[in-house]
Amino acid sequence: MVVTFNSNKLFYDEWAYKIRLKMPTGYNQYIKTLLRYTKDQTVENKLKSMTKRILEPDTFYSDWHANDDTSMIKLEKMCDFIRHARKNNMIDDCRFNEYWKLITIFTNNKQHVEDVKNKFEILIDHIAGPANDEELEIMKTKHNTTIVDRLPYNKYRYLVKLDWYTSRYADESICDQFIKWSRPFEKRIKISNRWGMGRFSAFQKFWVQDTKLLHMVQLYLGKKILKVETYKLRRELESENTNNPKNT
């Protein structure tokens, strides 16, 4: 059974899907190199040599456990995956990250996800991606929107990142000014952890509970705001999708 997670944003601001493979050994750190070779025979020779070295009795790959019933199957599947990735030119429309046993693939091609799930389940650590096409569209078009199962602190709809640095030498920093300004709103605003900057406290971000208050914050802070992140509950998207006549 493949472990699947719902993601909330694009990976690296570009990729919709993540596939993490856990190989049987860390001796695979040049998979990306193997995918770039021109000749298939060269790759086959490399795979043969790699397999032979891994199986040597005095191998120094201490993470290889030949007594594991699944080890040989996983080793064969690891080689088969390299062949599969070459055949389907995954290097052209995927990002590969290699870290010892872990090979992480990022892609926007859902067919790659389905193929790997169907053919290499034994290697899969987990798969992450949008729950449906609507979430995928939001991720691609609304880059400042994060889809979540639970709101921050169970109540805040917006995250605001503040330019605290440019006012650090002012008589009164923007952080101190905002703390005073926000007091009447009490728990409708949640300020992140603060640290001392000489005569004043500083913080980088805070959360806002509702849209009306966010607009007031934007009017007050103006260009001191670096970024506003919106949180969208997944269950609300599902409800909207259910109630939308176009989807019935």
Protein backbone atom coordinates (compact mmCIF):
# COMPACT_ATOMS: atom_id res chain seq x y z
CA MET A 1 0.00 0.00 0.00
CA VAL A 2 1.56 3.27 -1.14
CA VAL A 3 1.65 6.04 1.47
CA THR A 4 0.13 9.19 -0.04
CA PHE A 5 0.04 12.72 1.39
CA ASN A 6 -1.91 15.76 0.24
CA SER A 7 0.46 18.68 -0.40
CA ASN A 8 -0.47 22.31 0.19
CA LYS A 9 1.78 24.15 -2.27
CA LEU A 10 3.98 23.54 -5.28
CA PHE A 11 7.35 22.04 -4.41
CA TYR A 12 10.15 24.53 -5.08
CA ASP A 13 7.37 26.83 -6.40
CA GLU A 14 7.30 24.70 -9.55
CA TRP A 15 6.45 21.02 -9.10
CA ALA A 16 3.00 19.60 -8.29
CA TYR A 17 4.02 16.04 -7.36
CA LYS A 18 6.72 14.50 -5.22
CA ILE A 19 7.74 10.83 -5.31
CA ARG A 20 10.23 9.66 -2.69
CA LEU A 21 11.94 6.35 -3.36
CA LYS A 22 13.94 4.48 -0.73
CA MET A 23 16.55 2.38 -2.44
CA PRO A 24 18.03 -0.80 -0.90
CA THR A 25 21.49 0.77 -0.72
CA GLY A 26 23.08 4.18 -0.79
CA TYR A 27 25.24 3.10 -3.72
CA ASN A 28 23.08 4.91 -6.23
CA GLN A 29 24.37 8.44 -5.96
CA TYR A 30 24.85 8.88 -9.66
CA ILE A 31 21.37 8.01 -10.90
CA LYS A 32 21.11 11.44 -12.56
CA THR A 33 24.37 10.73 -14.37
CA LEU A 34 23.05 7.37 -15.59
CA LEU A 35 19.92 9.08 -16.91
CA ARG A 36 22.02 11.44 -19.02
CA TYR A 37 24.15 8.84 -20.79
CA THR A 38 23.47 8.63 -24.52
CA LYS A 39 24.02 4.91 -25.05
CA ASP A 40 21.85 2.31 -23.31
CA GLN A 41 24.67 -0.22 -23.41
CA THR A 42 26.87 2.09 -21.37
CA VAL A 43 24.17 2.24 -18.71
CA GLU A 44 23.73 -1.53 -18.72
CA ASN A 45 27.46 -1.96 -18.18
CA LYS A 46 27.35 0.52 -15.30
CA LEU A 47 24.37 -1.25 -13.71
CA LYS A 48 26.07 -4.62 -14.03
CA SER A 49 29.23 -3.29 -12.42
CA MET A 50 27.27 -1.55 -9.66
CA THR A 51 25.26 -4.69 -8.84
CA LYS A 52 28.42 -6.81 -8.77
CA ARG A 53 30.14 -4.48 -6.32
CA ILE A 54 27.11 -4.30 -4.04
CA LEU A 55 26.88 -8.10 -3.87
CA GLU A 56 30.55 -8.63 -3.07
CA PRO A 57 30.93 -10.36 0.36
CA ASP A 58 33.39 -7.74 1.60
CA THR A 59 31.37 -4.82 0.28
CA PHE A 60 31.81 -1.64 2.28
CA TYR A 61 28.19 -0.67 1.77
CA SER A 62 27.15 -1.39 5.34
CA ASP A 63 23.53 -0.45 4.59
CA TRP A 64 23.20 -3.46 2.26
CA HIS A 65 21.51 -6.44 3.93
CA ALA A 66 21.72 -9.49 1.69
CA ASN A 67 19.80 -11.56 4.23
CA ASP A 68 16.72 -9.41 3.82
CA ASP A 69 14.22 -11.37 1.73
CA THR A 70 13.30 -8.27 -0.25
CA SER A 71 16.83 -6.94 -0.80
CA MET A 72 17.45 -8.66 -4.12
CA ILE A 73 14.00 -7.70 -5.39
CA LYS A 74 14.62 -4.07 -4.44
CA LEU A 75 18.05 -4.13 -6.05
CA GLU A 76 16.54 -5.41 -9.29
CA LYS A 77 13.77 -2.83 -9.09
CA MET A 78 16.33 -0.07 -8.53
CA CYS A 79 18.04 -1.02 -11.79
CA ASP A 80 14.67 -1.36 -13.53
CA PHE A 81 13.70 2.11 -12.35
CA ILE A 82 16.79 3.60 -13.96
CA ARG A 83 15.87 1.87 -17.23
CA HIS A 84 12.28 3.07 -16.91
CA ALA A 85 13.32 6.66 -16.22
CA ARG A 86 15.63 6.66 -19.24
CA LYS A 87 12.99 5.16 -21.52
CA ASN A 88 10.45 7.80 -20.48
CA ASN A 89 12.94 10.71 -20.50
CA MET A 90 12.09 11.63 -16.92
CA ILE A 91 15.25 13.70 -16.67
CA ASP A 92 13.66 16.16 -19.12
CA ASP A 93 10.53 16.98 -17.10
CA CYS A 94 11.45 16.01 -13.54
CA ARG A 95 13.76 17.21 -10.82
CA PHE A 96 15.84 14.52 -9.08
CA ASN A 97 17.28 14.99 -5.58
CA GLU A 98 19.69 12.32 -4.33
CA TYR A 99 20.49 11.80 -0.67
CA TRP A 100 22.04 8.43 0.21
CA LYS A 101 19.23 5.87 -0.04
CA LEU A 102 16.57 8.48 -0.75
CA ILE A 103 15.83 9.50 -4.32
CA THR A 104 13.19 12.24 -4.52
CA ILE A 105 11.51 13.02 -7.82
CA PHE A 106 9.51 16.19 -8.45
CA THR A 107 7.31 16.41 -11.52
CA ASN A 108 4.22 17.99 -13.06
CA ASN A 109 3.56 14.91 -15.16
CA LYS A 110 0.92 12.86 -13.35
CA GLN A 111 1.57 9.92 -15.67
CA HIS A 112 5.05 9.56 -14.18
CA VAL A 113 3.44 9.31 -10.74
CA GLU A 114 1.04 6.59 -11.86
CA ASP A 115 3.76 4.63 -13.66
CA VAL A 116 6.10 4.64 -10.67
CA LYS A 117 3.24 3.72 -8.32
CA ASN A 118 2.23 0.78 -10.48
CA LYS A 119 5.69 -0.56 -11.31
CA PHE A 120 7.90 0.29 -8.33
CA GLU A 121 5.68 0.18 -5.26
CA ILE A 122 8.29 -1.77 -3.31
CA LEU A 123 10.69 1.21 -3.59
CA ILE A 124 8.21 3.96 -2.71
CA ASP A 125 8.57 5.69 0.65
CA HIS A 126 5.69 8.09 -0.05
CA ILE A 127 4.00 10.20 -2.71
CA ALA A 128 2.71 13.74 -2.21
CA GLY A 129 0.58 15.93 -4.44
CA PRO A 130 -2.67 17.87 -4.74
CA ALA A 131 -5.81 16.02 -3.68
CA ASN A 132 -7.63 16.89 -6.90
CA ASP A 133 -7.54 19.02 -10.05
CA GLU A 134 -9.09 22.01 -8.28
CA GLU A 135 -6.28 22.10 -5.73
CA LEU A 136 -3.75 21.74 -8.52
CA GLU A 137 -5.24 24.75 -10.29
CA ILE A 138 -5.08 26.83 -7.10
CA MET A 139 -1.44 25.86 -6.57
CA LYS A 140 -0.55 26.87 -10.12
CA THR A 141 -2.48 30.15 -10.29
CA LYS A 142 -2.57 31.42 -6.68
CA HIS A 143 1.00 31.20 -5.49
CA ASN A 144 0.25 33.04 -2.24
CA THR A 145 -2.43 30.54 -1.23
CA THR A 146 -1.66 27.54 0.95
CA ILE A 147 -4.15 24.67 1.21
CA VAL A 148 -4.33 23.29 4.74
CA ASP A 149 -6.30 20.76 6.77
CA ARG A 150 -6.16 23.04 9.80
CA LEU A 151 -5.75 26.81 10.10
CA PRO A 152 -2.73 28.13 12.04
CA TYR A 153 -3.70 28.13 15.70
CA ASN A 154 -7.13 26.94 14.48
CA LYS A 155 -8.30 30.44 13.59
CA TYR A 156 -5.99 32.59 11.44
CA ARG A 157 -6.69 32.99 7.72
CA TYR A 158 -3.69 35.08 6.72
CA LEU A 159 0.05 35.21 7.33
CA VAL A 160 1.75 38.60 6.93
CA LYS A 161 5.52 38.91 6.53
CA LEU A 162 6.88 42.24 7.70
CA ASP A 163 9.85 44.35 6.61
CA TRP A 164 11.22 44.97 10.09
CA TYR A 165 14.83 45.42 8.99
CA THR A 166 14.71 48.81 7.26
CA SER A 167 13.38 50.59 10.36
CA ARG A 168 15.83 49.05 12.82
CA TYR A 169 17.63 52.40 13.38
CA ALA A 170 14.48 54.53 13.57
CA ASP A 171 13.44 56.23 16.80
CA GLU A 172 10.55 53.76 16.93
CA SER A 173 10.68 50.60 14.86
CA ILE A 174 7.76 49.41 12.73
CA CYS A 175 7.51 46.39 15.03
CA ASP A 176 7.00 48.51 18.13
CA GLN A 177 4.54 50.72 16.27
CA PHE A 178 2.53 47.72 15.11
CA ILE A 179 2.45 46.13 18.56
CA LYS A 180 0.83 49.29 19.94
CA TRP A 181 -1.54 49.59 16.99
CA SER A 182 -2.69 45.96 17.22
CA ARG A 183 -3.52 45.93 20.94
CA PRO A 184 -7.22 46.81 20.51
CA PHE A 185 -7.67 43.77 18.25
CA GLU A 186 -6.36 41.41 20.95
CA LYS A 187 -6.48 37.79 19.78
CA ARG A 188 -7.55 38.59 16.21
CA ILE A 189 -3.84 39.16 15.55
CA LYS A 190 -1.13 36.69 16.56
CA ILE A 191 2.45 37.97 16.48
CA SER A 192 5.29 35.46 16.08
CA ASN A 193 8.17 35.08 18.52
CA ARG A 194 10.08 38.29 19.11
CA TRP A 195 13.75 38.91 19.71
CA GLY A 196 15.68 41.85 21.08
CA MET A 197 17.25 44.38 18.75
CA GLY A 198 18.88 46.79 21.15
CA ARG A 199 16.21 49.18 22.38
CA PHE A 200 13.26 47.49 20.66
CA SER A 201 11.77 44.09 19.90
CA ALA A 202 11.62 42.67 16.40
CA PHE A 203 9.52 40.02 14.66
CA GLN A 204 9.25 38.85 11.07
CA LYS A 205 5.63 37.78 10.74
CA PHE A 206 2.17 37.69 12.27
CA TRP A 207 -1.19 36.08 11.60
CA VAL A 208 -4.55 37.79 11.00
CA GLN A 209 -7.92 36.22 11.67
CA ASP A 210 -10.21 37.73 9.02
CA THR A 211 -10.28 39.64 5.73
CA LYS A 212 -11.69 42.88 7.14
CA LEU A 213 -8.87 43.15 9.67
CA LEU A 214 -6.30 42.23 7.01
CA HIS A 215 -7.41 45.21 4.93
CA MET A 216 -6.96 47.47 7.95
CA VAL A 217 -3.48 46.03 8.51
CA GLN A 218 -2.59 46.63 4.86
CA LEU A 219 -3.73 50.25 5.07
CA TYR A 220 -1.68 50.79 8.22
CA LEU A 221 1.55 49.06 7.18
CA GLY A 222 1.51 49.75 3.45
CA LYS A 223 4.87 48.98 1.84
CA LYS A 224 6.21 47.54 5.07
CA ILE A 225 4.39 44.34 4.16
CA LEU A 226 6.62 41.96 2.21
CA LYS A 227 4.09 39.22 1.56
CA VAL A 228 0.59 38.07 2.47
CA GLU A 229 -0.13 34.34 2.51
CA THR A 230 -3.74 33.10 2.42
CA TYR A 231 -4.79 29.82 4.04
CA LYS A 232 -7.58 27.85 2.41
CA LEU A 233 -9.15 24.93 4.24
CA ARG A 234 -9.28 21.72 2.23
CA ARG A 235 -12.74 20.85 3.58
CA GLU A 236 -14.06 24.21 2.37
CA LEU A 237 -12.76 23.49 -1.10
CA GLU A 238 -14.46 20.11 -1.02
CA SER A 239 -17.71 21.74 0.10
CA GLU A 240 -17.51 24.39 -2.62
CA ASN A 241 -16.84 21.68 -5.19
CA THR A 242 -19.88 19.70 -3.98
CA ASN A 243 -22.18 22.73 -4.12
CA ASN A 244 -20.91 23.98 -7.47
CA PRO A 245 -23.47 23.09 -10.18
CA LYS A 246 -20.69 22.78 -12.76
CA ASN A 247 -19.30 19.79 -10.92
CA THR A 248 -22.58 17.93 -10.44
